[in-house]
Amino acid sequence: MSLLHRGKTKDVYSHGDHTIELKFTDRVTLNDAGEIDPGGNNVSEALLEGQGFACLSMTAAIFDYLAKNGIPTHMVSYDLDRLSMIARKAETFLPGLEWVCRWKGTGSFIRRYRNVPGAKEGMVLPVPVHEITIKDDEGGDPMIVPDSIVALNMIPRAQLDELIALNAKTMSLLHDFFRQQGLDLWDIKIEWGRNAETGGLMLIDEVSANGCRAFDRNGKRVTGQALSACFRA
């Protein structure tokens, strides 16, 4: 087993012809102010004890739930003691796409539409709002529309239509799963790729506290390891 890639919070190792091993770590990212921020571009020199376990446990629980409901993921197996996940090799849609769903207005959504009458923090959106963004830290992860994805040859139209439908089903399942844990999911981002062996679509990377906003029944935001503790594989 050899190290293939050292990411911000996970390390990728060789495993099999069609699989890799992901090692979850206690590394965390910081924003420019030096604060712990999942969207930050700077890796902290200090480790946050339990972070790797929290991310893997929550991700594994969610992937298990989605798989039981017909959603393909890259997870083959996991080992919480080793902070390890065996995953199917994936091809990403370069330079990388993230899929966002919003049920309540917050964060960049409100900043983007701040001049629209009625746009305010915490507003209930009448229908889930689906967004696609390009992974581009320097560019601020700009939004991209489906027609542009096809025009730029990132995903063929037929597969993109399939993916849009699969993503909508997945987001609905995620919202329901959070509600089962007594949580109100405001927004979440996930990532899709292709199975490198079969070409089929599958959910990749992780689905953890790092990429969502959720609140308890009292309207208090639940974050970090406290949020992860609501989901146990």
C-alpha atoms as a PDB file:
ATOM      1  CA  MET A   1       0.000   0.000   0.000  1.00  0.00           C
ATOM      2  CA  SER A   2       1.508   3.324  -1.076  1.00  0.00           C
ATOM      3  CA  LEU A   3       0.437   6.909  -0.544  1.00  0.00           C
ATOM      4  CA  LEU A   4      -1.145   8.291  -3.729  1.00  0.00           C
ATOM      5  CA  HIS A   5      -2.289  11.692  -2.524  1.00  0.00           C
ATOM      6  CA  ARG A   6      -2.241  13.717   0.680  1.00  0.00           C
ATOM      7  CA  GLY A   7      -5.370  15.857   0.877  1.00  0.00           C
ATOM      8  CA  LYS A   8      -6.255  18.572   3.343  1.00  0.00           C
ATOM      9  CA  THR A   9      -7.997  16.199   5.747  1.00  0.00           C
ATOM     10  CA  LYS A  10      -7.717  12.726   4.141  1.00  0.00           C
ATOM     11  CA  ASP A  11      -4.904  10.626   2.694  1.00  0.00           C
ATOM     12  CA  VAL A  12      -5.420   8.364  -0.317  1.00  0.00           C
ATOM     13  CA  TYR A  13      -3.595   5.017  -0.595  1.00  0.00           C
ATOM     14  CA  SER A  14      -3.429   2.345  -3.267  1.00  0.00           C
ATOM     15  CA  HIS A  15      -5.522  -0.757  -2.571  1.00  0.00           C
ATOM     16  CA  GLY A  16      -6.759  -2.831  -5.508  1.00  0.00           C
ATOM     17  CA  ASP A  17      -7.278  -2.636  -9.243  1.00  0.00           C
ATOM     18  CA  HIS A  18     -10.565  -0.817  -8.830  1.00  0.00           C
ATOM     19  CA  THR A  19     -10.393   0.438  -5.234  1.00  0.00           C
ATOM     20  CA  ILE A  20      -8.455   2.869  -3.050  1.00  0.00           C
ATOM     21  CA  GLU A  21      -8.139   3.303   0.702  1.00  0.00           C
ATOM     22  CA  LEU A  22      -9.071   6.622   2.278  1.00  0.00           C
ATOM     23  CA  LYS A  23      -7.503   7.396   5.652  1.00  0.00           C
ATOM     24  CA  PHE A  24      -9.426   9.988   7.639  1.00  0.00           C
ATOM     25  CA  THR A  25      -7.212  12.213   9.807  1.00  0.00           C
ATOM     26  CA  ASP A  26      -7.564  14.723  12.631  1.00  0.00           C
ATOM     27  CA  ARG A  27      -6.309  17.525  10.375  1.00  0.00           C
ATOM     28  CA  VAL A  28      -8.582  20.565  10.035  1.00  0.00           C
ATOM     29  CA  THR A  29      -8.599  23.543   7.703  1.00  0.00           C
ATOM     30  CA  LEU A  30      -8.469  27.214   8.691  1.00  0.00           C
ATOM     31  CA  ASN A  31      -9.729  30.384   7.042  1.00  0.00           C
ATOM     32  CA  ASP A  32      -7.516  33.439   6.534  1.00  0.00           C
ATOM     33  CA  ALA A  33      -8.383  34.637  10.054  1.00  0.00           C
ATOM     34  CA  GLY A  34      -6.932  31.448  11.526  1.00  0.00           C
ATOM     35  CA  GLU A  35     -10.331  30.049  12.532  1.00  0.00           C
ATOM     36  CA  ILE A  36     -11.355  26.422  11.973  1.00  0.00           C
ATOM     37  CA  ASP A  37     -13.356  26.490   8.764  1.00  0.00           C
ATOM     38  CA  PRO A  38     -14.270  23.428   6.626  1.00  0.00           C
ATOM     39  CA  GLY A  39     -14.098  25.659   3.565  1.00  0.00           C
ATOM     40  CA  GLY A  40     -10.709  27.093   4.495  1.00  0.00           C
ATOM     41  CA  ASN A  41      -7.666  26.632   2.302  1.00  0.00           C
ATOM     42  CA  ASN A  42      -5.045  26.459   5.054  1.00  0.00           C
ATOM     43  CA  VAL A  43      -4.296  23.248   6.950  1.00  0.00           C
ATOM     44  CA  SER A  44      -3.809  23.753  10.683  1.00  0.00           C
ATOM     45  CA  GLU A  45      -0.533  22.625  12.211  1.00  0.00           C
ATOM     46  CA  ALA A  46      -2.519  21.486  15.259  1.00  0.00           C
ATOM     47  CA  LEU A  47      -4.751  18.408  15.115  1.00  0.00           C
ATOM     48  CA  LEU A  48      -8.324  18.273  16.419  1.00  0.00           C
ATOM     49  CA  GLU A  49      -8.628  15.038  18.356  1.00  0.00           C
ATOM     50  CA  GLY A  50     -11.511  12.862  17.199  1.00  0.00           C
ATOM     51  CA  GLN A  51     -12.066  14.748  13.954  1.00  0.00           C
ATOM     52  CA  GLY A  52     -11.200  11.830  11.694  1.00  0.00           C
ATOM     53  CA  PHE A  53     -13.450   9.436  13.614  1.00  0.00           C
ATOM     54  CA  ALA A  54     -16.323  11.942  13.548  1.00  0.00           C
ATOM     55  CA  CYS A  55     -16.079  12.507   9.784  1.00  0.00           C
ATOM     56  CA  LEU A  56     -15.775   8.828   8.920  1.00  0.00           C
ATOM     57  CA  SER A  57     -18.531   7.672  11.272  1.00  0.00           C
ATOM     58  CA  MET A  58     -21.039  10.233   9.998  1.00  0.00           C
ATOM     59  CA  THR A  59     -20.108   9.615   6.355  1.00  0.00           C
ATOM     60  CA  ALA A  60     -20.382   5.832   6.741  1.00  0.00           C
ATOM     61  CA  ALA A  61     -23.790   6.085   8.444  1.00  0.00           C
ATOM     62  CA  ILE A  62     -25.110   8.345   5.690  1.00  0.00           C
ATOM     63  CA  PHE A  63     -23.647   6.239   2.863  1.00  0.00           C
ATOM     64  CA  ASP A  64     -25.184   3.110   4.416  1.00  0.00           C
ATOM     65  CA  TYR A  65     -28.580   4.811   4.581  1.00  0.00           C
ATOM     66  CA  LEU A  66     -28.376   6.064   1.007  1.00  0.00           C
ATOM     67  CA  ALA A  67     -27.234   2.677  -0.322  1.00  0.00           C
ATOM     68  CA  LYS A  68     -30.218   0.995   1.326  1.00  0.00           C
ATOM     69  CA  ASN A  69     -32.403   3.478  -0.546  1.00  0.00           C
ATOM     70  CA  GLY A  70     -30.900   2.806  -3.964  1.00  0.00           C
ATOM     71  CA  ILE A  71     -28.244   5.552  -4.160  1.00  0.00           C
ATOM     72  CA  PRO A  72     -24.848   4.367  -5.472  1.00  0.00           C
ATOM     73  CA  THR A  73     -21.803   5.513  -3.467  1.00  0.00           C
ATOM     74  CA  HIS A  74     -18.096   4.849  -3.713  1.00  0.00           C
ATOM     75  CA  MET A  75     -17.951   3.216  -0.252  1.00  0.00           C
ATOM     76  CA  VAL A  76     -17.166  -0.504  -0.248  1.00  0.00           C
ATOM     77  CA  SER A  77     -16.386  -0.933   3.465  1.00  0.00           C
ATOM     78  CA  TYR A  78     -15.045   0.998   6.443  1.00  0.00           C
ATOM     79  CA  ASP A  79     -13.084   0.416   9.630  1.00  0.00           C
ATOM     80  CA  LEU A  80     -13.650   2.963  12.391  1.00  0.00           C
ATOM     81  CA  ASP A  81     -10.741   1.662  14.463  1.00  0.00           C
ATOM     82  CA  ARG A  82      -8.330   2.298  11.582  1.00  0.00           C
ATOM     83  CA  LEU A  83     -10.137   5.447  10.394  1.00  0.00           C
ATOM     84  CA  SER A  84     -10.214   3.788   6.995  1.00  0.00           C
ATOM     85  CA  MET A  85     -12.651   3.509   4.108  1.00  0.00           C
ATOM     86  CA  ILE A  86     -12.209   1.260   1.104  1.00  0.00           C
ATOM     87  CA  ALA A  87     -13.731   3.078  -1.849  1.00  0.00           C
ATOM     88  CA  ARG A  88     -14.291   2.431  -5.521  1.00  0.00           C
ATOM     89  CA  LYS A  89     -11.999   4.414  -7.781  1.00  0.00           C
ATOM     90  CA  ALA A  90     -13.783   7.417  -9.221  1.00  0.00           C
ATOM     91  CA  GLU A  91     -13.441   9.784 -12.126  1.00  0.00           C
ATOM     92  CA  THR A  92     -14.382  13.336 -11.194  1.00  0.00           C
ATOM     93  CA  PHE A  93     -15.928  15.932 -13.462  1.00  0.00           C
ATOM     94  CA  LEU A  94     -12.889  18.159 -13.894  1.00  0.00           C
ATOM     95  CA  PRO A  95     -12.054  20.636 -12.523  1.00  0.00           C
ATOM     96  CA  GLY A  96     -14.533  19.395  -9.906  1.00  0.00           C
ATOM     97  CA  LEU A  97     -18.201  20.074  -9.232  1.00  0.00           C
ATOM     98  CA  GLU A  98     -20.053  20.400  -5.949  1.00  0.00           C
ATOM     99  CA  TRP A  99     -23.797  19.952  -5.699  1.00  0.00           C
ATOM    100  CA  VAL A 100     -25.641  22.132  -3.186  1.00  0.00           C
ATOM    101  CA  CYS A 101     -29.223  21.929  -1.975  1.00  0.00           C
ATOM    102  CA  ARG A 102     -30.886  24.581   0.188  1.00  0.00           C
ATOM    103  CA  TRP A 103     -34.106  24.360   2.172  1.00  0.00           C
ATOM    104  CA  LYS A 104     -33.605  27.632   4.054  1.00  0.00           C
ATOM    105  CA  GLY A 105     -31.781  30.748   2.959  1.00  0.00           C
ATOM    106  CA  THR A 106     -28.421  31.365   4.607  1.00  0.00           C
ATOM    107  CA  GLY A 107     -24.765  32.033   3.864  1.00  0.00           C
ATOM    108  CA  SER A 108     -23.813  32.781   0.281  1.00  0.00           C
ATOM    109  CA  PHE A 109     -27.429  32.432  -0.867  1.00  0.00           C
ATOM    110  CA  ILE A 110     -28.486  35.486   1.142  1.00  0.00           C
ATOM    111  CA  ARG A 111     -25.329  37.413   0.284  1.00  0.00           C
ATOM    112  CA  ARG A 112     -25.893  36.732  -3.412  1.00  0.00           C
ATOM    113  CA  TYR A 113     -29.524  37.853  -3.363  1.00  0.00           C
ATOM    114  CA  ARG A 114     -29.318  40.508  -0.650  1.00  0.00           C
ATOM    115  CA  ASN A 115     -30.947  43.133  -2.897  1.00  0.00           C
ATOM    116  CA  VAL A 116     -33.955  40.936  -3.680  1.00  0.00           C
ATOM    117  CA  PRO A 117     -37.015  42.004  -1.633  1.00  0.00           C
ATOM    118  CA  GLY A 118     -37.822  39.413   1.017  1.00  0.00           C
ATOM    119  CA  ALA A 119     -34.407  37.730   1.012  1.00  0.00           C
ATOM    120  CA  LYS A 120     -33.409  37.269   4.650  1.00  0.00           C
ATOM    121  CA  GLU A 121     -31.428  34.911   6.845  1.00  0.00           C
ATOM    122  CA  GLY A 122     -33.318  31.743   7.712  1.00  0.00           C
ATOM    123  CA  MET A 123     -36.107  32.277   5.191  1.00  0.00           C
ATOM    124  CA  VAL A 124     -38.006  29.107   4.309  1.00  0.00           C
ATOM    125  CA  LEU A 125     -37.625  28.335   0.623  1.00  0.00           C
ATOM    126  CA  PRO A 126     -40.903  27.123  -0.935  1.00  0.00           C
ATOM    127  CA  VAL A 127     -39.054  24.427  -2.892  1.00  0.00           C
ATOM    128  CA  PRO A 128     -35.557  23.007  -2.464  1.00  0.00           C
ATOM    129  CA  VAL A 129     -33.038  25.152  -4.346  1.00  0.00           C
ATOM    130  CA  HIS A 130     -30.432  23.111  -6.231  1.00  0.00           C
ATOM    131  CA  GLU A 131     -27.123  24.700  -7.195  1.00  0.00           C
ATOM    132  CA  ILE A 132     -23.961  23.443  -8.894  1.00  0.00           C
ATOM    133  CA  THR A 133     -20.604  25.095  -8.234  1.00  0.00           C
ATOM    134  CA  ILE A 134     -17.114  24.673  -9.666  1.00  0.00           C
ATOM    135  CA  LYS A 135     -14.350  23.768  -7.236  1.00  0.00           C
ATOM    136  CA  ASP A 136     -12.196  26.884  -7.484  1.00  0.00           C
ATOM    137  CA  ASP A 137     -10.859  28.287  -4.220  1.00  0.00           C
ATOM    138  CA  GLU A 138      -9.290  31.354  -5.808  1.00  0.00           C
ATOM    139  CA  GLY A 139     -12.422  32.081  -7.840  1.00  0.00           C
ATOM    140  CA  GLY A 140     -14.795  31.670  -4.921  1.00  0.00           C
ATOM    141  CA  ASP A 141     -16.384  28.421  -6.199  1.00  0.00           C
ATOM    142  CA  PRO A 142     -18.539  30.057  -8.915  1.00  0.00           C
ATOM    143  CA  MET A 143     -21.946  28.659  -9.819  1.00  0.00           C
ATOM    144  CA  ILE A 144     -22.425  26.934 -13.161  1.00  0.00           C
ATOM    145  CA  VAL A 145     -25.665  26.096 -14.975  1.00  0.00           C
ATOM    146  CA  PRO A 146     -26.383  22.757 -16.690  1.00  0.00           C
ATOM    147  CA  ASP A 147     -26.177  24.174 -20.218  1.00  0.00           C
ATOM    148  CA  SER A 148     -22.659  25.429 -19.499  1.00  0.00           C
ATOM    149  CA  ILE A 149     -21.643  22.026 -18.114  1.00  0.00           C
ATOM    150  CA  VAL A 150     -22.697  20.437 -21.421  1.00  0.00           C
ATOM    151  CA  ALA A 151     -21.197  23.203 -23.562  1.00  0.00           C
ATOM    152  CA  LEU A 152     -17.840  22.805 -21.795  1.00  0.00           C
ATOM    153  CA  ASN A 153     -17.920  19.019 -22.360  1.00  0.00           C
ATOM    154  CA  MET A 154     -17.802  18.322 -18.633  1.00  0.00           C
ATOM    155  CA  ILE A 155     -20.743  15.871 -18.705  1.00  0.00           C
ATOM    156  CA  PRO A 156     -22.789  14.686 -21.705  1.00  0.00           C
ATOM    157  CA  ARG A 157     -26.403  15.898 -21.714  1.00  0.00           C
ATOM    158  CA  ALA A 158     -27.974  12.461 -21.205  1.00  0.00           C
ATOM    159  CA  GLN A 159     -25.786  11.624 -18.213  1.00  0.00           C
ATOM    160  CA  LEU A 160     -26.245  15.106 -16.761  1.00  0.00           C
ATOM    161  CA  ASP A 161     -30.017  14.712 -16.909  1.00  0.00           C
ATOM    162  CA  GLU A 162     -29.651  11.370 -15.133  1.00  0.00           C
ATOM    163  CA  LEU A 163     -27.392  12.954 -12.532  1.00  0.00           C
ATOM    164  CA  ILE A 164     -29.731  15.877 -11.874  1.00  0.00           C
ATOM    165  CA  ALA A 165     -32.580  13.449 -11.150  1.00  0.00           C
ATOM    166  CA  LEU A 166     -30.355  11.211  -8.988  1.00  0.00           C
ATOM    167  CA  ASN A 167     -29.051  14.224  -7.080  1.00  0.00           C
ATOM    168  CA  ALA A 168     -32.583  15.478  -6.351  1.00  0.00           C
ATOM    169  CA  LYS A 169     -33.570  12.056  -4.978  1.00  0.00           C
ATOM    170  CA  THR A 170     -30.419  11.943  -2.859  1.00  0.00           C
ATOM    171  CA  MET A 171     -30.990  15.400  -1.410  1.00  0.00           C
ATOM    172  CA  SER A 172     -34.558  14.464  -0.434  1.00  0.00           C
ATOM    173  CA  LEU A 173     -33.273  11.333   1.308  1.00  0.00           C
ATOM    174  CA  LEU A 174     -30.605  13.317   3.144  1.00  0.00           C
ATOM    175  CA  HIS A 175     -33.173  15.846   4.379  1.00  0.00           C
ATOM    176  CA  ASP A 176     -35.366  12.989   5.651  1.00  0.00           C
ATOM    177  CA  PHE A 177     -32.418  11.240   7.339  1.00  0.00           C
ATOM    178  CA  PHE A 178     -31.441  14.402   9.211  1.00  0.00           C
ATOM    179  CA  ARG A 179     -35.053  14.854  10.300  1.00  0.00           C
ATOM    180  CA  GLN A 180     -35.023  11.300  11.677  1.00  0.00           C
ATOM    181  CA  GLN A 181     -32.159  12.410  13.936  1.00  0.00           C
ATOM    182  CA  GLY A 182     -34.180  15.392  15.182  1.00  0.00           C
ATOM    183  CA  LEU A 183     -32.314  17.844  12.952  1.00  0.00           C
ATOM    184  CA  ASP A 184     -33.476  20.554  10.563  1.00  0.00           C
ATOM    185  CA  LEU A 185     -31.123  20.525   7.564  1.00  0.00           C
ATOM    186  CA  TRP A 186     -30.808  24.005   6.058  1.00  0.00           C
ATOM    187  CA  ASP A 187     -28.286  23.274   3.321  1.00  0.00           C
ATOM    188  CA  ILE A 188     -25.706  20.686   2.289  1.00  0.00           C
ATOM    189  CA  LYS A 189     -23.122  20.093  -0.434  1.00  0.00           C
ATOM    190  CA  ILE A 190     -22.081  16.752  -1.898  1.00  0.00           C
ATOM    191  CA  GLU A 191     -19.912  15.514  -4.753  1.00  0.00           C
ATOM    192  CA  TRP A 192     -20.583  13.071  -7.567  1.00  0.00           C
ATOM    193  CA  GLY A 193     -18.281  11.158  -9.860  1.00  0.00           C
ATOM    194  CA  ARG A 194     -18.185   8.205 -12.231  1.00  0.00           C
ATOM    195  CA  ASN A 195     -17.232   4.685 -11.224  1.00  0.00           C
ATOM    196  CA  ALA A 196     -13.834   4.308 -12.915  1.00  0.00           C
ATOM    197  CA  GLU A 197     -14.563   0.649 -13.705  1.00  0.00           C
ATOM    198  CA  THR A 198     -18.167   0.812 -14.933  1.00  0.00           C
ATOM    199  CA  GLY A 199     -18.719   4.473 -15.797  1.00  0.00           C
ATOM    200  CA  GLY A 200     -21.829   4.588 -13.605  1.00  0.00           C
ATOM    201  CA  LEU A 201     -22.657   7.582 -11.445  1.00  0.00           C
ATOM    202  CA  MET A 202     -21.891   7.411  -7.730  1.00  0.00           C
ATOM    203  CA  LEU A 203     -21.663   9.675  -4.699  1.00  0.00           C
ATOM    204  CA  ILE A 204     -18.025  10.235  -3.701  1.00  0.00           C
ATOM    205  CA  ASP A 205     -15.793  11.914  -1.109  1.00  0.00           C
ATOM    206  CA  GLU A 206     -17.623  12.368   2.231  1.00  0.00           C
ATOM    207  CA  VAL A 207     -20.925  13.628   3.613  1.00  0.00           C
ATOM    208  CA  SER A 208     -20.047  15.014   7.016  1.00  0.00           C
ATOM    209  CA  ALA A 209     -20.513  17.974   9.341  1.00  0.00           C
ATOM    210  CA  ASN A 210     -17.956  19.829   7.224  1.00  0.00           C
ATOM    211  CA  GLY A 211     -20.416  20.435   4.404  1.00  0.00           C
ATOM    212  CA  CYS A 212     -23.812  21.251   5.870  1.00  0.00           C
ATOM    213  CA  ARG A 213     -25.801  23.453   8.241  1.00  0.00           C
ATOM    214  CA  ALA A 214     -28.233  21.777  10.629  1.00  0.00           C
ATOM    215  CA  PHE A 215     -30.231  22.937  13.652  1.00  0.00           C
ATOM    216  CA  ASP A 216     -31.826  21.143  16.583  1.00  0.00           C
ATOM    217  CA  ARG A 217     -35.487  21.316  17.624  1.00  0.00           C
ATOM    218  CA  ASN A 218     -34.761  24.435  19.681  1.00  0.00           C
ATOM    219  CA  GLY A 219     -33.353  26.284  16.689  1.00  0.00           C
ATOM    220  CA  LYS A 220     -29.737  25.997  17.851  1.00  0.00           C
ATOM    221  CA  ARG A 221     -27.162  25.192  15.225  1.00  0.00           C
ATOM    222  CA  VAL A 222     -25.391  21.862  15.725  1.00  0.00           C
ATOM    223  CA  THR A 223     -21.846  21.753  14.354  1.00  0.00           C
ATOM    224  CA  GLY A 224     -18.661  19.754  14.197  1.00  0.00           C
ATOM    225  CA  GLN A 225     -18.285  16.639  16.281  1.00  0.00           C
ATOM    226  CA  ALA A 226     -21.587  17.318  18.078  1.00  0.00           C
ATOM    227  CA  LEU A 227     -23.365  17.017  14.727  1.00  0.00           C
ATOM    228  CA  SER A 228     -21.380  13.935  13.766  1.00  0.00           C
ATOM    229  CA  ALA A 229     -22.401  12.310  17.066  1.00  0.00           C
ATOM    230  CA  CYS A 230     -26.027  12.367  15.875  1.00  0.00           C
ATOM    231  CA  PHE A 231     -24.995   9.836  13.210  1.00  0.00           C
ATOM    232  CA  ARG A 232     -23.168   6.695  14.168  1.00  0.00           C
ATOM    233  CA  ALA A 233     -22.230   3.946  11.730  1.00  0.00           C
END
